[in-house]
């Protein structure tokens, strides 16, 4: 399936470095845990999810998080476009 991690006695777990790089997770990045049909899903937090947690952070921090989220999406889209282009080139070579 993928990578695995062990939950510590404090309830902490380490996201594997490969996945942190892939999804642009850095110290302080926010993530959202969701229970979907018996599966625990971890996703980078998006603007709407962060705004739903209003009150956890001060308003100025929310704007900073929103900017980080937009930058993350831009980087993710660029990466996906590069990967898509590389896959298309490989297919043409076959």
C-alpha atoms as a PDB file:
ATOM      1  CA  UNK A   1       0.000   0.000   0.000  1.00  0.00           C
ATOM      2  CA  UNK A   2       2.538   2.624   1.063  1.00  0.00           C
ATOM      3  CA  UNK A   3       4.613   3.892   3.932  1.00  0.00           C
ATOM      4  CA  UNK A   4       3.836   3.156   7.549  1.00  0.00           C
ATOM      5  CA  UNK A   5       4.510   4.829  10.883  1.00  0.00           C
ATOM      6  CA  UNK A   6       4.142   3.922  14.557  1.00  0.00           C
ATOM      7  CA  UNK A   7       2.111   6.053  16.945  1.00  0.00           C
ATOM      8  CA  UNK A   8       4.190   7.065  19.974  1.00  0.00           C
ATOM      9  CA  UNK A   9       3.014   6.921  23.591  1.00  0.00           C
ATOM     10  CA  UNK A  10       2.184  10.648  23.228  1.00  0.00           C
ATOM     11  CA  UNK A  11      -0.036  10.005  20.183  1.00  0.00           C
ATOM     12  CA  UNK A  12       2.549  11.386  17.764  1.00  0.00           C
ATOM     13  CA  UNK A  13       3.619   9.919  14.452  1.00  0.00           C
ATOM     14  CA  UNK A  14       6.264  10.829  11.921  1.00  0.00           C
ATOM     15  CA  UNK A  15       5.186  11.371   8.326  1.00  0.00           C
ATOM     16  CA  UNK A  16       7.847   9.765   6.105  1.00  0.00           C
ATOM     17  CA  UNK A  17      10.257  12.295   4.534  1.00  0.00           C
ATOM     18  CA  UNK A  18       9.324  11.268   0.980  1.00  0.00           C
ATOM     19  CA  UNK A  19       5.664  12.127   1.621  1.00  0.00           C
ATOM     20  CA  UNK A  20       6.521  15.384   3.432  1.00  0.00           C
ATOM     21  CA  UNK A  21       8.539  16.472   0.398  1.00  0.00           C
ATOM     22  CA  UNK A  22       5.880  15.319  -2.072  1.00  0.00           C
ATOM     23  CA  UNK A  23       3.110  17.275  -0.343  1.00  0.00           C
ATOM     24  CA  UNK A  24       5.211  20.251   0.751  1.00  0.00           C
ATOM     25  CA  UNK A  25       4.772  19.626   4.479  1.00  0.00           C
ATOM     26  CA  UNK A  26       7.177  21.635   6.587  1.00  0.00           C
ATOM     27  CA  UNK A  27       7.372  22.186  10.364  1.00  0.00           C
ATOM     28  CA  UNK A  28       4.228  24.069  11.335  1.00  0.00           C
ATOM     29  CA  UNK A  29       2.225  22.869   8.309  1.00  0.00           C
ATOM     30  CA  UNK A  30      -1.365  22.044   9.143  1.00  0.00           C
ATOM     31  CA  UNK A  31      -2.981  18.740   8.251  1.00  0.00           C
ATOM     32  CA  UNK A  32      -6.540  17.478   8.526  1.00  0.00           C
ATOM     33  CA  UNK A  33      -7.514  14.001   9.735  1.00  0.00           C
ATOM     34  CA  UNK A  34     -10.761  12.609   8.334  1.00  0.00           C
ATOM     35  CA  UNK A  35     -12.551   9.330   9.036  1.00  0.00           C
ATOM     36  CA  UNK A  36     -13.857   8.103   5.669  1.00  0.00           C
ATOM     37  CA  UNK A  37     -15.730   4.820   5.794  1.00  0.00           C
ATOM     38  CA  UNK A  38     -13.449   3.334   8.420  1.00  0.00           C
ATOM     39  CA  UNK A  39     -10.201   4.694   6.936  1.00  0.00           C
ATOM     40  CA  UNK A  40      -8.168   7.420   8.596  1.00  0.00           C
ATOM     41  CA  UNK A  41      -7.203   9.959   5.928  1.00  0.00           C
ATOM     42  CA  UNK A  42      -4.498  12.587   6.472  1.00  0.00           C
ATOM     43  CA  UNK A  43      -4.444  15.536   4.074  1.00  0.00           C
ATOM     44  CA  UNK A  44      -2.629  18.866   3.907  1.00  0.00           C
ATOM     45  CA  UNK A  45      -5.071  21.472   5.236  1.00  0.00           C
ATOM     46  CA  UNK A  46      -6.691  23.669   2.617  1.00  0.00           C
ATOM     47  CA  UNK A  47      -8.076  27.161   3.148  1.00  0.00           C
ATOM     48  CA  UNK A  48     -11.657  26.040   3.872  1.00  0.00           C
ATOM     49  CA  UNK A  49     -10.522  23.503   6.445  1.00  0.00           C
ATOM     50  CA  UNK A  50      -8.378  26.079   8.176  1.00  0.00           C
ATOM     51  CA  UNK A  51     -11.165  28.660   8.206  1.00  0.00           C
ATOM     52  CA  UNK A  52     -13.470  26.079   9.789  1.00  0.00           C
ATOM     53  CA  UNK A  53     -11.038  26.031  12.727  1.00  0.00           C
ATOM     54  CA  UNK A  54     -11.397  29.780  13.250  1.00  0.00           C
ATOM     55  CA  UNK A  55     -10.453  30.801  16.753  1.00  0.00           C
ATOM     56  CA  UNK A  56      -7.516  28.405  17.066  1.00  0.00           C
ATOM     57  CA  UNK A  57      -5.156  30.966  15.555  1.00  0.00           C
ATOM     58  CA  UNK A  58      -5.190  34.750  15.518  1.00  0.00           C
ATOM     59  CA  UNK A  59      -6.675  36.405  12.405  1.00  0.00           C
ATOM     60  CA  UNK A  60      -3.302  37.553  11.059  1.00  0.00           C
ATOM     61  CA  UNK A  61      -2.023  33.972  11.233  1.00  0.00           C
ATOM     62  CA  UNK A  62      -5.028  32.814   9.197  1.00  0.00           C
ATOM     63  CA  UNK A  63      -4.008  35.117   6.353  1.00  0.00           C
ATOM     64  CA  UNK A  64      -0.476  33.732   6.482  1.00  0.00           C
ATOM     65  CA  UNK A  65      -1.813  30.169   6.423  1.00  0.00           C
ATOM     66  CA  UNK A  66      -4.060  31.040   3.477  1.00  0.00           C
ATOM     67  CA  UNK A  67      -1.057  32.406   1.557  1.00  0.00           C
ATOM     68  CA  UNK A  68       0.945  29.267   2.365  1.00  0.00           C
ATOM     69  CA  UNK A  69      -1.984  27.148   1.184  1.00  0.00           C
ATOM     70  CA  UNK A  70      -2.186  29.003  -2.145  1.00  0.00           C
ATOM     71  CA  UNK A  71       1.573  28.615  -2.625  1.00  0.00           C
ATOM     72  CA  UNK A  72       1.329  24.904  -1.794  1.00  0.00           C
ATOM     73  CA  UNK A  73      -1.428  24.453  -4.405  1.00  0.00           C
ATOM     74  CA  UNK A  74       0.623  26.306  -7.034  1.00  0.00           C
ATOM     75  CA  UNK A  75       3.704  24.165  -6.355  1.00  0.00           C
ATOM     76  CA  UNK A  76       1.565  21.007  -6.382  1.00  0.00           C
ATOM     77  CA  UNK A  77      -0.041  21.933  -9.719  1.00  0.00           C
ATOM     78  CA  UNK A  78       3.375  22.696 -11.252  1.00  0.00           C
ATOM     79  CA  UNK A  79       4.738  19.360 -10.008  1.00  0.00           C
ATOM     80  CA  UNK A  80       1.757  17.473 -11.402  1.00  0.00           C
ATOM     81  CA  UNK A  81       2.161  19.256 -14.756  1.00  0.00           C
ATOM     82  CA  UNK A  82       5.858  18.311 -14.875  1.00  0.00           C
ATOM     83  CA  UNK A  83       5.112  14.699 -13.969  1.00  0.00           C
ATOM     84  CA  UNK A  84       2.327  14.549 -16.555  1.00  0.00           C
ATOM     85  CA  UNK A  85       4.673  15.921 -19.232  1.00  0.00           C
ATOM     86  CA  UNK A  86       7.365  13.391 -18.305  1.00  0.00           C
ATOM     87  CA  UNK A  87       4.856  10.527 -18.484  1.00  0.00           C
ATOM     88  CA  UNK A  88       3.650  11.683 -21.912  1.00  0.00           C
ATOM     89  CA  UNK A  89       7.243  11.827 -23.199  1.00  0.00           C
ATOM     90  CA  UNK A  90       7.887   8.278 -21.936  1.00  0.00           C
ATOM     91  CA  UNK A  91       4.748   7.007 -23.674  1.00  0.00           C
ATOM     92  CA  UNK A  92       5.777   8.588 -26.977  1.00  0.00           C
ATOM     93  CA  UNK A  93       9.160   6.856 -26.807  1.00  0.00           C
ATOM     94  CA  UNK A  94       7.572   3.400 -26.594  1.00  0.00           C
END
